[in-house]
């Protein structure tokens, strides 16, 4: 294959703020993948063994993409597992989401809150989050790690990128902030792609686009993330002392709701005992 650029980053890198951010759609996504490979549309059509006109219509969303062509794109553009999954998700109908308030008042809420209180007593950070990083339930230690999250609709992504204000949030606490920001955008790309037609997803995306950092990362990177890499601890800074410490994060299996859809994920974090605090 004639590969000119890595499919990880968009060739428009550096111009992200000048390009209007858009929710995921199959046509736009596969066009960006093609452009990231440095392939013209005629070149890509030849490699895919389809007509130029068909590829153009797929990329502009005026005709559906058949499964064989979709799989050929995944192979030809040499997509990683997460990118391939995202591509297939975009070819499927959007998945609905239960409103957060409804999840909070579900009959199982009491049991979840009890579990989170127990984690508080053990000194562990715990929460139940929806696919869009909204807090359905969170214990006190979780909120202490994300101070002021209640001012951002109890959404970890809005807290992290704080659109509409230059007052820092995660920047002062997360040591490798750029790496964490890239992961969060990759995670949001997966979730927003799956739930792209849901009002909650559309509202969150509009708010996030108020952050120049989010918009630039969204428009210039092509990583997709499902879950969290548990082998990579998150390095944080204590706000009062400046001491550095590592937190191990686990996102458990999705919790099924009354609609029998996996809409919640159990989040737990604990300090790595092998990594004592160090002074910055």
Protein backbone atom coordinates (compact mmCIF):
# COMPACT_ATOMS: atom_id res chain seq x y z
CA UNK A 1 0.00 0.00 0.00
CA UNK A 2 1.14 3.54 -0.72
CA UNK A 3 1.32 4.90 2.82
CA UNK A 4 2.47 8.48 3.11
CA UNK A 5 1.34 9.52 6.57
CA UNK A 6 0.45 7.80 9.79
CA UNK A 7 -3.30 7.38 10.33
CA UNK A 8 -2.91 8.46 13.94
CA UNK A 9 -2.83 12.20 13.35
CA UNK A 10 -4.73 14.36 10.90
CA UNK A 11 -2.68 16.20 8.22
CA UNK A 12 -4.58 19.34 9.20
CA UNK A 13 -2.58 19.36 12.45
CA UNK A 14 -1.91 22.91 13.56
CA UNK A 15 -5.09 24.21 11.92
CA UNK A 16 -7.53 22.59 14.33
CA UNK A 17 -8.86 25.86 15.66
CA UNK A 18 -9.66 27.07 12.14
CA UNK A 19 -11.79 24.03 11.28
CA UNK A 20 -15.30 23.73 12.68
CA UNK A 21 -15.58 20.70 14.91
CA UNK A 22 -18.30 18.21 14.03
CA UNK A 23 -19.78 15.17 15.70
CA UNK A 24 -18.57 11.82 14.35
CA UNK A 25 -20.13 10.60 11.12
CA UNK A 26 -18.95 7.72 8.96
CA UNK A 27 -18.35 9.78 5.83
CA UNK A 28 -16.29 12.46 7.55
CA UNK A 29 -14.38 9.85 9.51
CA UNK A 30 -13.29 7.74 6.55
CA UNK A 31 -12.39 10.90 4.63
CA UNK A 32 -10.09 11.96 7.43
CA UNK A 33 -8.54 8.48 7.52
CA UNK A 34 -7.87 8.66 3.80
CA UNK A 35 -6.36 12.13 4.08
CA UNK A 36 -4.19 11.01 7.00
CA UNK A 37 -2.76 8.35 4.70
CA UNK A 38 -1.90 11.02 2.17
CA UNK A 39 -4.11 9.37 -0.45
CA UNK A 40 -6.08 11.25 -3.03
CA UNK A 41 -9.62 10.06 -3.61
CA UNK A 42 -8.70 8.43 -6.97
CA UNK A 43 -5.77 6.63 -5.35
CA UNK A 44 -7.91 5.37 -2.47
CA UNK A 45 -10.70 4.28 -4.81
CA UNK A 46 -8.18 2.23 -6.77
CA UNK A 47 -6.87 0.54 -3.64
CA UNK A 48 -10.42 -0.15 -2.47
CA UNK A 49 -11.41 -1.42 -5.93
CA UNK A 50 -14.47 0.84 -6.00
CA UNK A 51 -15.33 3.78 -8.23
CA UNK A 52 -14.23 7.31 -7.46
CA UNK A 53 -17.86 8.40 -7.52
CA UNK A 54 -18.90 5.78 -4.95
CA UNK A 55 -16.09 6.78 -2.60
CA UNK A 56 -17.04 10.43 -2.97
CA UNK A 57 -20.66 9.69 -2.10
CA UNK A 58 -19.64 7.62 0.94
CA UNK A 59 -17.37 10.38 2.20
CA UNK A 60 -20.07 13.01 1.75
CA UNK A 61 -22.65 10.78 3.40
CA UNK A 62 -25.01 10.70 0.44
CA UNK A 63 -24.89 6.92 0.05
CA UNK A 64 -24.48 4.14 2.63
CA UNK A 65 -21.29 2.13 2.85
CA UNK A 66 -21.74 -1.60 2.38
CA UNK A 67 -20.13 -3.97 4.86
CA UNK A 68 -17.59 -5.36 2.35
CA UNK A 69 -16.43 -1.86 1.42
CA UNK A 70 -16.30 -0.86 5.09
CA UNK A 71 -14.11 -3.83 5.95
CA UNK A 72 -11.92 -3.12 2.95
CA UNK A 73 -11.40 0.43 4.22
CA UNK A 74 -10.41 -0.88 7.64
CA UNK A 75 -7.84 -3.15 6.03
CA UNK A 76 -6.59 -0.70 3.40
CA UNK A 77 -6.18 2.19 5.82
CA UNK A 78 -4.50 -0.19 8.30
CA UNK A 79 -6.65 0.81 11.26
CA UNK A 80 -5.90 -0.25 14.78
CA UNK A 81 -8.48 -2.23 16.78
CA UNK A 82 -10.07 0.83 18.41
CA UNK A 83 -10.22 2.78 15.15
CA UNK A 84 -11.75 -0.22 13.41
CA UNK A 85 -14.37 -0.60 16.14
CA UNK A 86 -15.20 3.11 15.89
CA UNK A 87 -15.57 2.81 12.12
CA UNK A 88 -18.02 -0.06 12.52
CA UNK A 89 -19.91 1.84 15.23
CA UNK A 90 -20.42 4.75 12.85
CA UNK A 91 -21.89 2.39 10.26
CA UNK A 92 -24.51 1.25 12.79
CA UNK A 93 -27.49 3.23 14.10
CA UNK A 94 -26.79 5.62 16.96
CA UNK A 95 -27.40 4.12 20.42
CA UNK A 96 -29.76 5.91 22.79
CA UNK A 97 -28.86 6.96 26.32
CA UNK A 98 -30.97 7.18 29.47
CA UNK A 99 -30.89 10.69 31.01
CA UNK A 100 -28.48 10.98 33.93
CA UNK A 101 -31.21 12.11 36.32
CA UNK A 102 -33.19 8.98 35.54
CA UNK A 103 -30.14 6.82 36.23
CA UNK A 104 -29.59 8.60 39.54
CA UNK A 105 -33.10 7.81 40.74
CA UNK A 106 -33.10 4.19 39.59
CA UNK A 107 -34.08 1.68 42.29
CA UNK A 108 -30.48 0.38 42.42
CA UNK A 109 -29.10 3.83 43.34
CA UNK A 110 -29.13 3.07 47.07
CA UNK A 111 -26.97 0.00 46.61
CA UNK A 112 -24.47 1.95 44.52
CA UNK A 113 -24.26 4.78 47.05
CA UNK A 114 -23.61 2.29 49.82
CA UNK A 115 -20.73 0.81 47.85
CA UNK A 116 -19.25 4.26 47.24
CA UNK A 117 -19.48 5.13 50.95
CA UNK A 118 -17.58 1.95 51.75
CA UNK A 119 -14.85 3.03 49.34
CA UNK A 120 -14.69 6.40 51.08
CA UNK A 121 -14.04 4.62 54.37
CA UNK A 122 -11.22 2.64 52.74
CA UNK A 123 -9.65 5.77 51.28
CA UNK A 124 -10.48 4.85 47.69
CA UNK A 125 -11.84 7.01 44.90
CA UNK A 126 -15.05 5.67 43.38
CA UNK A 127 -17.80 6.70 40.98
CA UNK A 128 -20.36 5.45 38.51
CA UNK A 129 -20.04 7.26 35.21
CA UNK A 130 -22.02 7.16 31.99
CA UNK A 131 -20.37 6.83 28.54
CA UNK A 132 -20.10 10.63 28.24
CA UNK A 133 -18.10 10.95 31.51
CA UNK A 134 -21.07 12.33 33.44
CA UNK A 135 -21.10 11.47 37.13
CA UNK A 136 -24.16 9.46 38.00
CA UNK A 137 -22.87 8.79 41.52
CA UNK A 138 -19.51 9.71 43.05
CA UNK A 139 -18.06 9.43 46.52
CA UNK A 140 -16.47 12.28 48.48
CA UNK A 141 -12.93 11.25 47.63
CA UNK A 142 -13.70 11.32 43.93
CA UNK A 143 -15.05 14.85 44.20
CA UNK A 144 -12.00 15.88 46.22
CA UNK A 145 -9.76 14.68 43.38
CA UNK A 146 -11.79 16.77 40.88
CA UNK A 147 -12.45 19.94 42.88
CA UNK A 148 -15.28 22.07 41.53
CA UNK A 149 -16.66 19.44 39.17
CA UNK A 150 -20.17 20.36 40.30
CA UNK A 151 -19.70 23.68 38.47
CA UNK A 152 -19.26 21.75 35.21
CA UNK A 153 -22.53 19.81 35.16
CA UNK A 154 -20.84 17.00 37.10
CA UNK A 155 -19.09 15.98 33.90
CA UNK A 156 -15.41 15.03 34.04
CA UNK A 157 -14.74 16.07 30.43
CA UNK A 158 -16.22 19.55 30.93
CA UNK A 159 -14.26 19.87 34.17
CA UNK A 160 -11.04 18.82 32.44
CA UNK A 161 -11.31 21.23 29.47
CA UNK A 162 -13.35 23.92 31.32
CA UNK A 163 -14.85 25.60 28.22
CA UNK A 164 -15.78 29.23 28.64
CA UNK A 165 -13.17 30.00 31.30
CA UNK A 166 -9.40 30.20 31.51
CA UNK A 167 -9.40 29.21 35.18
CA UNK A 168 -7.33 25.98 35.28
CA UNK A 169 -8.73 22.75 36.64
CA UNK A 170 -6.83 19.59 35.70
CA UNK A 171 -3.79 21.53 34.46
CA UNK A 172 -2.61 22.15 38.02
CA UNK A 173 -3.20 18.58 39.18
CA UNK A 174 -2.32 16.24 36.29
CA UNK A 175 1.42 15.98 35.67
CA UNK A 176 1.29 14.85 32.05
CA UNK A 177 -1.74 16.93 31.16
CA UNK A 178 -1.25 16.74 27.39
CA UNK A 179 -1.25 12.94 27.46
CA UNK A 180 -4.37 12.85 29.61
CA UNK A 181 -6.11 15.35 27.33
CA UNK A 182 -5.34 13.26 24.24
CA UNK A 183 -6.71 10.14 25.94
CA UNK A 184 -9.88 11.90 27.05
CA UNK A 185 -10.57 13.17 23.53
CA UNK A 186 -9.96 9.67 22.15
CA UNK A 187 -12.41 8.27 24.69
CA UNK A 188 -14.99 10.93 23.85
CA UNK A 189 -14.60 10.17 20.15
CA UNK A 190 -15.66 6.58 20.80
CA UNK A 191 -18.58 7.53 23.04
CA UNK A 192 -19.85 10.42 20.92
CA UNK A 193 -19.66 8.22 17.84
CA UNK A 194 -21.76 5.51 19.45
CA UNK A 195 -24.35 7.97 20.82
CA UNK A 196 -24.03 10.71 18.18
CA UNK A 197 -27.77 11.28 17.68
CA UNK A 198 -28.57 11.45 21.38
CA UNK A 199 -29.45 14.92 22.73
CA UNK A 200 -27.09 14.43 25.70
CA UNK A 201 -24.18 13.73 23.35
CA UNK A 202 -24.99 16.69 21.13
CA UNK A 203 -25.28 19.07 24.06
CA UNK A 204 -22.00 17.88 25.60
CA UNK A 205 -20.17 18.23 22.29
CA UNK A 206 -21.44 21.78 21.78
CA UNK A 207 -20.22 22.75 25.23
CA UNK A 208 -16.83 21.10 24.77
CA UNK A 209 -16.32 23.00 21.51
CA UNK A 210 -16.15 26.13 23.66
CA UNK A 211 -12.66 24.94 24.60
CA UNK A 212 -9.97 25.76 22.03
CA UNK A 213 -7.82 22.92 23.36
CA UNK A 214 -10.57 20.35 22.93
CA UNK A 215 -11.45 21.61 19.45
CA UNK A 216 -7.85 21.49 18.27
CA UNK A 217 -7.29 17.97 19.59
CA UNK A 218 -10.61 16.82 18.14
CA UNK A 219 -9.77 18.19 14.69
CA UNK A 220 -6.12 17.15 14.50
CA UNK A 221 -5.94 13.71 16.08
CA UNK A 222 -7.48 10.39 15.10
CA UNK A 223 -6.92 8.22 18.18
CA UNK A 224 -9.90 6.31 19.57
CA UNK A 225 -10.05 4.79 23.05
CA UNK A 226 -12.41 2.30 24.66
CA UNK A 227 -11.82 1.78 28.37
CA UNK A 228 -8.70 2.90 30.21
CA UNK A 229 -5.12 1.54 29.97
CA UNK A 230 -4.78 0.07 33.46
CA UNK A 231 -1.05 -0.56 33.01
CA UNK A 232 -0.43 3.21 32.84
CA UNK A 233 -0.90 4.96 36.21
CA UNK A 234 -2.02 8.56 36.26
CA UNK A 235 0.55 10.88 37.81
CA UNK A 236 -0.96 13.63 39.92
CA UNK A 237 0.23 16.55 42.03
CA UNK A 238 -1.09 17.29 45.52
CA UNK A 239 -2.44 20.85 45.37
CA UNK A 240 -1.27 21.82 48.86
CA UNK A 241 2.22 20.29 49.03
CA UNK A 242 3.20 19.84 45.37
CA UNK A 243 4.08 16.21 46.09
CA UNK A 244 3.73 13.84 43.16
CA UNK A 245 1.94 10.53 43.39
CA UNK A 246 0.56 7.87 41.05
CA UNK A 247 -3.02 6.65 40.89
CA UNK A 248 -4.07 3.31 39.46
CA UNK A 249 -7.39 3.60 37.65
CA UNK A 250 -9.77 0.78 36.81
CA UNK A 251 -12.93 1.11 34.78
CA UNK A 252 -14.97 -1.95 35.58
CA UNK A 253 -17.48 -3.77 33.42
CA UNK A 254 -20.48 -1.73 32.39
CA UNK A 255 -23.45 -1.92 34.72
CA UNK A 256 -26.74 -2.76 33.05
CA UNK A 257 -29.72 -0.54 33.75
CA UNK A 258 -33.44 -1.20 33.75
CA UNK A 259 -33.36 -0.83 29.97
CA UNK A 260 -30.87 -3.70 29.85
CA UNK A 261 -28.30 -1.50 28.15
CA UNK A 262 -24.75 -1.07 29.49
CA UNK A 263 -24.86 2.64 30.36
CA UNK A 264 -22.83 2.85 33.56
CA UNK A 265 -19.25 2.00 34.33
CA UNK A 266 -17.80 1.58 37.80
CA UNK A 267 -14.72 3.76 38.29
CA UNK A 268 -12.23 3.07 41.07
CA UNK A 269 -8.88 4.68 41.74
CA UNK A 270 -6.23 4.11 44.38
CA UNK A 271 -2.74 5.38 45.07
CA UNK A 272 0.01 3.10 43.90
CA UNK A 273 1.71 1.86 47.09
CA UNK A 274 4.90 1.19 45.14
CA UNK A 275 5.27 4.86 44.29
CA UNK A 276 5.75 7.02 47.43
CA UNK A 277 5.14 10.79 47.09
CA UNK A 278 8.04 12.83 45.76
CA UNK A 279 8.60 16.57 45.96
CA UNK A 280 8.32 18.44 42.68
